[in-house]
Amino acid sequence: MGDISISSLAAGFVFGVIGFWLFKEGRRRGEVRIALVGVTMMGYSYFTANPAADWGIGLALCGLAYMWWV
């Protein structure tokens, strides 16, 4: 923790926005799993150690949301 870079900030912003949208859509559709992935996406970047972890976890969560969405 403590490694703040432009890449980390960008990942936090991008996946935070996607997470907010997933949270709203999950609640609207009554899909608790999607809403929880959205909440996780909004907050995980505070606990990751480097930009590679930010992008990797964010992409993995997007993939998980996609699998549950379809």
N, C-alpha and C. Protein backbone atom coordinates (compact mmCIF):
# COMPACT_ATOMS: atom_id res chain seq x y z
N MET A 1 0.83 -1.17 0.00
CA MET A 1 0.00 0.00 0.00
C MET A 1 0.88 1.25 0.00
N GLY A 2 0.35 2.31 -0.48
CA GLY A 2 1.09 3.55 -0.51
C GLY A 2 1.70 3.87 -1.86
N ASP A 3 1.66 2.95 -2.82
CA ASP A 3 2.21 3.20 -4.14
C ASP A 3 1.12 3.84 -5.00
N ILE A 4 1.12 5.16 -5.05
CA ILE A 4 0.11 5.87 -5.82
C ILE A 4 0.76 6.34 -7.12
N SER A 5 0.20 5.87 -8.22
CA SER A 5 0.69 6.28 -9.53
C SER A 5 -0.50 6.67 -10.40
N ILE A 6 -0.21 7.22 -11.54
CA ILE A 6 -1.27 7.59 -12.47
C ILE A 6 -2.05 6.36 -12.90
N SER A 7 -1.36 5.25 -13.09
CA SER A 7 -2.02 4.01 -13.48
C SER A 7 -2.97 3.51 -12.39
N SER A 8 -2.54 3.60 -11.14
CA SER A 8 -3.41 3.19 -10.03
C SER A 8 -4.64 4.08 -9.93
N LEU A 9 -4.43 5.37 -10.11
CA LEU A 9 -5.57 6.30 -10.07
C LEU A 9 -6.53 6.05 -11.22
N ALA A 10 -5.98 5.80 -12.40
CA ALA A 10 -6.83 5.53 -13.56
C ALA A 10 -7.62 4.24 -13.36
N ALA A 11 -6.96 3.20 -12.85
CA ALA A 11 -7.65 1.93 -12.62
C ALA A 11 -8.75 2.11 -11.58
N GLY A 12 -8.45 2.83 -10.52
CA GLY A 12 -9.46 3.09 -9.49
C GLY A 12 -10.67 3.83 -10.04
N PHE A 13 -10.41 4.82 -10.90
CA PHE A 13 -11.51 5.58 -11.49
C PHE A 13 -12.33 4.72 -12.45
N VAL A 14 -11.65 4.04 -13.37
CA VAL A 14 -12.34 3.25 -14.39
C VAL A 14 -13.18 2.15 -13.74
N PHE A 15 -12.56 1.37 -12.85
CA PHE A 15 -13.29 0.26 -12.25
C PHE A 15 -14.28 0.73 -11.19
N GLY A 16 -14.04 1.91 -10.61
CA GLY A 16 -15.02 2.48 -9.69
C GLY A 16 -16.30 2.88 -10.42
N VAL A 17 -16.16 3.47 -11.59
CA VAL A 17 -17.34 3.85 -12.39
C VAL A 17 -18.09 2.61 -12.86
N ILE A 18 -17.35 1.62 -13.35
CA ILE A 18 -17.98 0.37 -13.78
C ILE A 18 -18.67 -0.30 -12.59
N GLY A 19 -18.01 -0.30 -11.44
CA GLY A 19 -18.59 -0.89 -10.24
C GLY A 19 -19.86 -0.19 -9.81
N PHE A 20 -19.88 1.13 -9.89
CA PHE A 20 -21.09 1.88 -9.54
C PHE A 20 -22.24 1.51 -10.47
N TRP A 21 -21.94 1.40 -11.75
CA TRP A 21 -22.98 1.03 -12.71
C TRP A 21 -23.48 -0.40 -12.45
N LEU A 22 -22.54 -1.31 -12.17
CA LEU A 22 -22.95 -2.69 -11.87
C LEU A 22 -23.80 -2.75 -10.60
N PHE A 23 -23.44 -1.97 -9.61
CA PHE A 23 -24.22 -1.93 -8.38
C PHE A 23 -25.65 -1.45 -8.65
N LYS A 24 -25.77 -0.37 -9.43
CA LYS A 24 -27.11 0.15 -9.75
C LYS A 24 -27.92 -0.86 -10.56
N GLU A 25 -27.30 -1.48 -11.56
CA GLU A 25 -28.00 -2.45 -12.39
C GLU A 25 -28.36 -3.71 -11.60
N GLY A 26 -27.45 -4.14 -10.73
CA GLY A 26 -27.73 -5.31 -9.91
C GLY A 26 -28.92 -5.08 -8.99
N ARG A 27 -28.98 -3.91 -8.40
CA ARG A 27 -30.12 -3.60 -7.53
C ARG A 27 -31.41 -3.49 -8.34
N ARG A 28 -31.32 -2.86 -9.51
CA ARG A 28 -32.52 -2.68 -10.33
C ARG A 28 -33.09 -4.02 -10.78
N ARG A 29 -32.20 -4.95 -11.13
CA ARG A 29 -32.62 -6.27 -11.61
C ARG A 29 -32.84 -7.27 -10.49
N GLY A 30 -32.48 -6.92 -9.28
CA GLY A 30 -32.62 -7.84 -8.16
C GLY A 30 -31.54 -8.92 -8.13
N GLU A 31 -30.40 -8.66 -8.79
CA GLU A 31 -29.28 -9.59 -8.83
C GLU A 31 -28.27 -9.20 -7.76
N VAL A 32 -28.32 -9.89 -6.63
CA VAL A 32 -27.45 -9.55 -5.51
C VAL A 32 -25.98 -9.79 -5.86
N ARG A 33 -25.69 -10.85 -6.61
CA ARG A 33 -24.30 -11.15 -6.97
C ARG A 33 -23.68 -10.03 -7.77
N ILE A 34 -24.42 -9.50 -8.73
CA ILE A 34 -23.90 -8.41 -9.56
C ILE A 34 -23.69 -7.16 -8.71
N ALA A 35 -24.64 -6.87 -7.83
CA ALA A 35 -24.51 -5.71 -6.95
C ALA A 35 -23.28 -5.83 -6.05
N LEU A 36 -23.01 -7.03 -5.54
CA LEU A 36 -21.85 -7.23 -4.68
C LEU A 36 -20.54 -7.10 -5.45
N VAL A 37 -20.52 -7.56 -6.69
CA VAL A 37 -19.33 -7.36 -7.51
C VAL A 37 -19.12 -5.87 -7.73
N GLY A 38 -20.20 -5.13 -7.94
CA GLY A 38 -20.09 -3.69 -8.12
C GLY A 38 -19.52 -3.00 -6.89
N VAL A 39 -19.98 -3.37 -5.71
CA VAL A 39 -19.45 -2.79 -4.48
C VAL A 39 -17.97 -3.14 -4.32
N THR A 40 -17.62 -4.38 -4.63
CA THR A 40 -16.23 -4.80 -4.54
C THR A 40 -15.36 -4.00 -5.50
N MET A 41 -15.86 -3.76 -6.71
CA MET A 41 -15.09 -3.00 -7.69
C MET A 41 -14.89 -1.55 -7.26
N MET A 42 -15.84 -1.01 -6.54
CA MET A 42 -15.71 0.37 -6.09
C MET A 42 -14.66 0.53 -4.99
N GLY A 43 -14.34 -0.54 -4.27
CA GLY A 43 -13.46 -0.37 -3.13
C GLY A 43 -12.17 -1.15 -3.12
N TYR A 44 -11.99 -2.12 -4.01
CA TYR A 44 -10.82 -2.98 -3.92
C TYR A 44 -9.50 -2.24 -4.14
N SER A 45 -9.51 -1.18 -4.92
CA SER A 45 -8.25 -0.51 -5.27
C SER A 45 -7.59 0.16 -4.07
N TYR A 46 -8.32 0.33 -2.98
CA TYR A 46 -7.72 0.89 -1.77
C TYR A 46 -6.81 -0.12 -1.07
N PHE A 47 -6.93 -1.39 -1.41
CA PHE A 47 -6.21 -2.44 -0.70
C PHE A 47 -5.18 -3.17 -1.56
N THR A 48 -4.97 -2.74 -2.79
CA THR A 48 -4.01 -3.41 -3.66
C THR A 48 -2.64 -2.75 -3.54
N ALA A 49 -1.61 -3.51 -3.89
CA ALA A 49 -0.24 -3.05 -3.65
C ALA A 49 0.39 -2.32 -4.83
N ASN A 50 -0.03 -2.62 -6.05
CA ASN A 50 0.62 -2.00 -7.21
C ASN A 50 -0.35 -1.90 -8.37
N PRO A 51 0.02 -1.16 -9.42
CA PRO A 51 -0.89 -0.97 -10.56
C PRO A 51 -1.24 -2.27 -11.28
N ALA A 52 -0.31 -3.22 -11.33
CA ALA A 52 -0.62 -4.49 -11.99
C ALA A 52 -1.73 -5.22 -11.25
N ALA A 53 -1.71 -5.17 -9.94
CA ALA A 53 -2.78 -5.78 -9.14
C ALA A 53 -4.09 -5.03 -9.35
N ASP A 54 -4.03 -3.71 -9.43
CA ASP A 54 -5.25 -2.92 -9.68
C ASP A 54 -5.93 -3.36 -10.96
N TRP A 55 -5.16 -3.40 -12.04
CA TRP A 55 -5.73 -3.75 -13.34
C TRP A 55 -6.11 -5.23 -13.41
N GLY A 56 -5.30 -6.10 -12.85
CA GLY A 56 -5.59 -7.54 -12.89
C GLY A 56 -6.85 -7.91 -12.13
N ILE A 57 -6.97 -7.40 -10.92
CA ILE A 57 -8.17 -7.70 -10.11
C ILE A 57 -9.39 -7.07 -10.74
N GLY A 58 -9.25 -5.85 -11.26
CA GLY A 58 -10.38 -5.18 -11.90
C GLY A 58 -10.88 -5.94 -13.11
N LEU A 59 -9.95 -6.43 -13.93
CA LEU A 59 -10.36 -7.20 -15.10
C LEU A 59 -10.98 -8.54 -14.69
N ALA A 60 -10.44 -9.16 -13.65
CA ALA A 60 -11.02 -10.42 -13.17
C ALA A 60 -12.44 -10.21 -12.64
N LEU A 61 -12.67 -9.12 -11.93
CA LEU A 61 -14.02 -8.83 -11.44
C LEU A 61 -14.97 -8.52 -12.59
N CYS A 62 -14.48 -7.83 -13.62
CA CYS A 62 -15.31 -7.59 -14.80
C CYS A 62 -15.69 -8.91 -15.47
N GLY A 63 -14.73 -9.83 -15.56
CA GLY A 63 -15.02 -11.14 -16.13
C GLY A 63 -16.04 -11.91 -15.31
N LEU A 64 -15.91 -11.83 -13.99
CA LEU A 64 -16.87 -12.50 -13.11
C LEU A 64 -18.27 -11.92 -13.29
N ALA A 65 -18.36 -10.60 -13.34
CA ALA A 65 -19.66 -9.95 -13.55
C ALA A 65 -20.24 -10.35 -14.89
N TYR A 66 -19.41 -10.44 -15.91
CA TYR A 66 -19.89 -10.83 -17.23
C TYR A 66 -20.42 -12.28 -17.22
N MET A 67 -19.69 -13.17 -16.55
CA MET A 67 -20.14 -14.58 -16.47
C MET A 67 -21.50 -14.68 -15.78
N TRP A 68 -21.68 -13.91 -14.71
CA TRP A 68 -22.96 -13.96 -13.99
C TRP A 68 -24.06 -13.20 -14.73
N TRP A 69 -23.68 -12.22 -15.54
CA TRP A 69 -24.67 -11.42 -16.26
C TRP A 69 -25.33 -12.26 -17.34
N VAL A 70 -24.54 -13.05 -18.06
CA VAL A 70 -25.04 -13.84 -19.20
C VAL A 70 -25.65 -15.09 -18.76
